[in-house]
């Protein structure tokens, strides 16, 4: 999706914010763990991430 939006003219960083979580499954638990990320982006506070040990 990120590549397609870039191809259509969206600019990275100013108009497009993309995160991938390849280790996460596609289920409610994974969505809940990343839910605050979307809200932070929408309200202009970009998230910070900690690496898992």
PDB file of N, CA and C in Angstrom:
ATOM      1  N   UNK A   1       0.827  -1.184   0.000  1.00  0.00           N
ATOM      2  CA  UNK A   1       0.000   0.000   0.000  1.00  0.00           C
ATOM      3  C   UNK A   1       0.873   1.249   0.000  1.00  0.00           C
ATOM      4  N   UNK A   2       1.943   1.234   0.772  1.00  0.00           N
ATOM      5  CA  UNK A   2       2.840   2.383   0.830  1.00  0.00           C
ATOM      6  C   UNK A   2       3.429   2.696  -0.549  1.00  0.00           C
ATOM      7  N   UNK A   3       3.871   1.674  -1.246  1.00  0.00           N
ATOM      8  CA  UNK A   3       4.436   1.873  -2.579  1.00  0.00           C
ATOM      9  C   UNK A   3       3.395   2.450  -3.538  1.00  0.00           C
ATOM     10  N   UNK A   4       2.194   1.964  -3.471  1.00  0.00           N
ATOM     11  CA  UNK A   4       1.124   2.441  -4.356  1.00  0.00           C
ATOM     12  C   UNK A   4       0.795   3.914  -4.092  1.00  0.00           C
ATOM     13  N   UNK A   5       0.681   4.275  -2.814  1.00  0.00           N
ATOM     14  CA  UNK A   5       0.381   5.668  -2.475  1.00  0.00           C
ATOM     15  C   UNK A   5       1.512   6.600  -2.893  1.00  0.00           C
ATOM     16  N   UNK A   6       2.752   6.153  -2.741  1.00  0.00           N
ATOM     17  CA  UNK A   6       3.894   6.946  -3.194  1.00  0.00           C
ATOM     18  C   UNK A   6       3.838   7.120  -4.708  1.00  0.00           C
ATOM     19  N   UNK A   7       3.534   6.046  -5.411  1.00  0.00           N
ATOM     20  CA  UNK A   7       3.410   6.099  -6.869  1.00  0.00           C
ATOM     21  C   UNK A   7       2.314   7.075  -7.292  1.00  0.00           C
ATOM     22  N   UNK A   8       1.240   7.153  -6.495  1.00  0.00           N
ATOM     23  CA  UNK A   8       0.133   8.050  -6.830  1.00  0.00           C
ATOM     24  C   UNK A   8       0.429   9.499  -6.462  1.00  0.00           C
ATOM     25  N   UNK A   9       1.590   9.754  -5.843  1.00  0.00           N
ATOM     26  CA  UNK A   9       1.988  11.127  -5.594  1.00  0.00           C
ATOM     27  C   UNK A   9       2.048  11.568  -4.144  1.00  0.00           C
ATOM     28  N   UNK A  10       1.688  10.699  -3.215  1.00  0.00           N
ATOM     29  CA  UNK A  10       1.789  11.075  -1.813  1.00  0.00           C
ATOM     30  C   UNK A  10       3.265  11.180  -1.429  1.00  0.00           C
ATOM     31  N   UNK A  11       3.584  12.149  -0.577  1.00  0.00           N
ATOM     32  CA  UNK A  11       4.961  12.371  -0.165  1.00  0.00           C
ATOM     33  C   UNK A  11       5.220  11.725   1.185  1.00  0.00           C
ATOM     34  N   UNK A  12       6.304  10.984   1.254  1.00  0.00           N
ATOM     35  CA  UNK A  12       6.701  10.358   2.518  1.00  0.00           C
ATOM     36  C   UNK A  12       6.953  11.418   3.574  1.00  0.00           C
ATOM     37  N   UNK A  13       6.641  11.075   4.790  1.00  0.00           N
ATOM     38  CA  UNK A  13       6.851  11.895   5.981  1.00  0.00           C
ATOM     39  C   UNK A  13       5.838  13.037   6.102  1.00  0.00           C
ATOM     40  N   UNK A  14       5.550  13.777   5.047  1.00  0.00           N
ATOM     41  CA  UNK A  14       4.610  14.888   5.190  1.00  0.00           C
ATOM     42  C   UNK A  14       3.166  14.464   4.962  1.00  0.00           C
ATOM     43  N   UNK A  15       2.930  13.463   4.109  1.00  0.00           N
ATOM     44  CA  UNK A  15       1.567  13.027   3.811  1.00  0.00           C
ATOM     45  C   UNK A  15       1.342  11.539   4.066  1.00  0.00           C
ATOM     46  N   UNK A  16       2.416  10.830   4.341  1.00  0.00           N
ATOM     47  CA  UNK A  16       2.312   9.378   4.440  1.00  0.00           C
ATOM     48  C   UNK A  16       3.145   8.880   5.599  1.00  0.00           C
ATOM     49  N   UNK A  17       2.525   8.133   6.468  1.00  0.00           N
ATOM     50  CA  UNK A  17       3.213   7.527   7.606  1.00  0.00           C
ATOM     51  C   UNK A  17       2.943   6.039   7.551  1.00  0.00           C
ATOM     52  N   UNK A  18       3.988   5.247   7.489  1.00  0.00           N
ATOM     53  CA  UNK A  18       3.834   3.807   7.273  1.00  0.00           C
ATOM     54  C   UNK A  18       4.665   3.036   8.280  1.00  0.00           C
ATOM     55  N   UNK A  19       4.044   2.089   8.923  1.00  0.00           N
ATOM     56  CA  UNK A  19       4.743   1.183   9.830  1.00  0.00           C
ATOM     57  C   UNK A  19       4.378  -0.243   9.456  1.00  0.00           C
ATOM     58  N   UNK A  20       5.339  -1.129   9.561  1.00  0.00           N
ATOM     59  CA  UNK A  20       5.087  -2.546   9.318  1.00  0.00           C
ATOM     60  C   UNK A  20       5.494  -3.324  10.557  1.00  0.00           C
ATOM     61  N   UNK A  21       4.709  -4.306  10.888  1.00  0.00           N
ATOM     62  CA  UNK A  21       4.987  -5.174  12.020  1.00  0.00           C
ATOM     63  C   UNK A  21       4.950  -6.617  11.526  1.00  0.00           C
ATOM     64  N   UNK A  22       5.973  -7.040  10.791  1.00  0.00           N
ATOM     65  CA  UNK A  22       5.939  -8.356  10.157  1.00  0.00           C
ATOM     66  C   UNK A  22       5.877  -9.524  11.141  1.00  0.00           C
ATOM     67  N   UNK A  23       6.323  -9.307  12.367  1.00  0.00           N
ATOM     68  CA  UNK A  23       6.290 -10.396  13.342  1.00  0.00           C
ATOM     69  C   UNK A  23       4.925 -10.556  14.003  1.00  0.00           C
ATOM     70  N   UNK A  24       4.048  -9.573  13.831  1.00  0.00           N
ATOM     71  CA  UNK A  24       2.723  -9.637  14.444  1.00  0.00           C
ATOM     72  C   UNK A  24       1.753 -10.451  13.596  1.00  0.00           C
ATOM     73  N   UNK A  25       0.839 -11.069  14.259  1.00  0.00           N
ATOM     74  CA  UNK A  25      -0.212 -11.799  13.565  1.00  0.00           C
ATOM     75  C   UNK A  25      -1.326 -10.823  13.182  1.00  0.00           C
ATOM     76  N   UNK A  26      -2.218 -11.262  12.317  1.00  0.00           N
ATOM     77  CA  UNK A  26      -3.342 -10.436  11.883  1.00  0.00           C
ATOM     78  C   UNK A  26      -4.557 -10.806  12.733  1.00  0.00           C
ATOM     79  N   UNK A  27      -4.578 -10.270  13.966  1.00  0.00           N
ATOM     80  CA  UNK A  27      -5.670 -10.594  14.878  1.00  0.00           C
ATOM     81  C   UNK A  27      -5.911  -9.440  15.855  1.00  0.00           C
ATOM     82  N   UNK A  28      -6.930  -9.566  16.680  1.00  0.00           N
ATOM     83  CA  UNK A  28      -7.327  -8.495  17.585  1.00  0.00           C
ATOM     84  C   UNK A  28      -6.242  -8.147  18.595  1.00  0.00           C
ATOM     85  N   UNK A  29      -5.526  -9.142  19.081  1.00  0.00           N
ATOM     86  CA  UNK A  29      -4.468  -8.889  20.066  1.00  0.00           C
ATOM     87  C   UNK A  29      -3.376  -7.993  19.455  1.00  0.00           C
ATOM     88  N   UNK A  30      -2.967  -8.285  18.244  1.00  0.00           N
ATOM     89  CA  UNK A  30      -1.945  -7.478  17.572  1.00  0.00           C
ATOM     90  C   UNK A  30      -2.466  -6.065  17.312  1.00  0.00           C
ATOM     91  N   UNK A  31      -3.712  -5.949  16.873  1.00  0.00           N
ATOM     92  CA  UNK A  31      -4.282  -4.626  16.600  1.00  0.00           C
ATOM     93  C   UNK A  31      -4.358  -3.805  17.883  1.00  0.00           C
ATOM     94  N   UNK A  32      -4.737  -4.440  18.974  1.00  0.00           N
ATOM     95  CA  UNK A  32      -4.833  -3.731  20.250  1.00  0.00           C
ATOM     96  C   UNK A  32      -3.460  -3.236  20.704  1.00  0.00           C
ATOM     97  N   UNK A  33      -2.430  -4.010  20.449  1.00  0.00           N
ATOM     98  CA  UNK A  33      -1.094  -3.596  20.882  1.00  0.00           C
ATOM     99  C   UNK A  33      -0.579  -2.404  20.089  1.00  0.00           C
ATOM    100  N   UNK A  34      -1.118  -2.166  18.890  1.00  0.00           N
ATOM    101  CA  UNK A  34      -0.672  -1.057  18.049  1.00  0.00           C
ATOM    102  C   UNK A  34      -1.728   0.038  17.909  1.00  0.00           C
ATOM    103  N   UNK A  35      -2.828  -0.080  18.593  1.00  0.00           N
ATOM    104  CA  UNK A  35      -3.920   0.879  18.447  1.00  0.00           C
ATOM    105  C   UNK A  35      -3.546   2.304  18.792  1.00  0.00           C
ATOM    106  N   UNK A  36      -2.742   2.492  19.811  1.00  0.00           N
ATOM    107  CA  UNK A  36      -2.368   3.849  20.204  1.00  0.00           C
ATOM    108  C   UNK A  36      -1.509   4.529  19.150  1.00  0.00           C
ATOM    109  N   UNK A  37      -0.797   3.758  18.343  1.00  0.00           N
ATOM    110  CA  UNK A  37       0.042   4.326  17.291  1.00  0.00           C
ATOM    111  C   UNK A  37      -0.797   5.137  16.316  1.00  0.00           C
ATOM    112  N   UNK A  38      -1.923   4.613  15.904  1.00  0.00           N
ATOM    113  CA  UNK A  38      -2.805   5.327  14.972  1.00  0.00           C
ATOM    114  C   UNK A  38      -3.330   6.616  15.593  1.00  0.00           C
ATOM    115  N   UNK A  39      -3.726   6.547  16.841  1.00  0.00           N
ATOM    116  CA  UNK A  39      -4.248   7.736  17.507  1.00  0.00           C
ATOM    117  C   UNK A  39      -3.177   8.806  17.669  1.00  0.00           C
ATOM    118  N   UNK A  40      -1.963   8.384  18.008  1.00  0.00           N
ATOM    119  CA  UNK A  40      -0.866   9.345  18.144  1.00  0.00           C
ATOM    120  C   UNK A  40      -0.601  10.033  16.813  1.00  0.00           C
ATOM    121  N   UNK A  41      -0.631   9.277  15.732  1.00  0.00           N
ATOM    122  CA  UNK A  41      -0.408   9.864  14.421  1.00  0.00           C
ATOM    123  C   UNK A  41      -1.517  10.852  14.066  1.00  0.00           C
ATOM    124  N   UNK A  42      -2.756  10.460  14.277  1.00  0.00           N
ATOM    125  CA  UNK A  42      -3.884  11.320  13.933  1.00  0.00           C
ATOM    126  C   UNK A  42      -3.888  12.618  14.728  1.00  0.00           C
ATOM    127  N   UNK A  43      -3.383  12.561  15.951  1.00  0.00           N
ATOM    128  CA  UNK A  43      -3.353  13.752  16.789  1.00  0.00           C
ATOM    129  C   UNK A  43      -1.971  14.397  16.832  1.00  0.00           C
ATOM    130  N   UNK A  44      -1.145  14.096  15.806  1.00  0.00           N
ATOM    131  CA  UNK A  44       0.148  14.723  15.559  1.00  0.00           C
ATOM    132  C   UNK A  44       1.188  14.511  16.644  1.00  0.00           C
ATOM    133  N   UNK A  45       1.114  13.395  17.324  1.00  0.00           N
ATOM    134  CA  UNK A  45       2.183  13.004  18.235  1.00  0.00           C
ATOM    135  C   UNK A  45       2.713  11.668  17.736  1.00  0.00           C
ATOM    136  N   UNK A  46       3.781  11.685  17.007  1.00  0.00           N
ATOM    137  CA  UNK A  46       4.323  10.452  16.461  1.00  0.00           C
ATOM    138  C   UNK A  46       4.841   9.563  17.578  1.00  0.00           C
ATOM    139  N   UNK A  47       4.617   8.269  17.443  1.00  0.00           N
ATOM    140  CA  UNK A  47       5.004   7.341  18.498  1.00  0.00           C
ATOM    141  C   UNK A  47       6.509   7.127  18.577  1.00  0.00           C
ATOM    142  N   UNK A  48       6.947   6.700  19.735  1.00  0.00           N
ATOM    143  CA  UNK A  48       8.312   6.223  19.913  1.00  0.00           C
ATOM    144  C   UNK A  48       8.218   4.731  20.199  1.00  0.00           C
ATOM    145  N   UNK A  49       9.233   4.013  19.808  1.00  0.00           N
ATOM    146  CA  UNK A  49       9.189   2.553  19.930  1.00  0.00           C
ATOM    147  C   UNK A  49      10.356   2.047  20.740  1.00  0.00           C
ATOM    148  N   UNK A  50      10.081   0.999  21.507  1.00  0.00           N
ATOM    149  CA  UNK A  50      11.123   0.304  22.238  1.00  0.00           C
ATOM    150  C   UNK A  50      11.262  -1.076  21.613  1.00  0.00           C
ATOM    151  N   UNK A  51      12.500  -1.507  21.430  1.00  0.00           N
ATOM    152  CA  UNK A  51      12.729  -2.848  20.893  1.00  0.00           C
ATOM    153  C   UNK A  51      12.465  -3.866  21.986  1.00  0.00           C
ATOM    154  N   UNK A  52      11.871  -4.965  21.596  1.00  0.00           N
ATOM    155  CA  UNK A  52      11.624  -6.043  22.555  1.00  0.00           C
ATOM    156  C   UNK A  52      12.915  -6.792  22.828  1.00  0.00           C
ATOM    157  N   UNK A  53      13.085  -7.171  24.058  1.00  0.00           N
ATOM    158  CA  UNK A  53      14.296  -7.920  24.433  1.00  0.00           C
ATOM    159  C   UNK A  53      14.123  -9.393  24.150  1.00  0.00           C
TER     160      UNK A  53
END
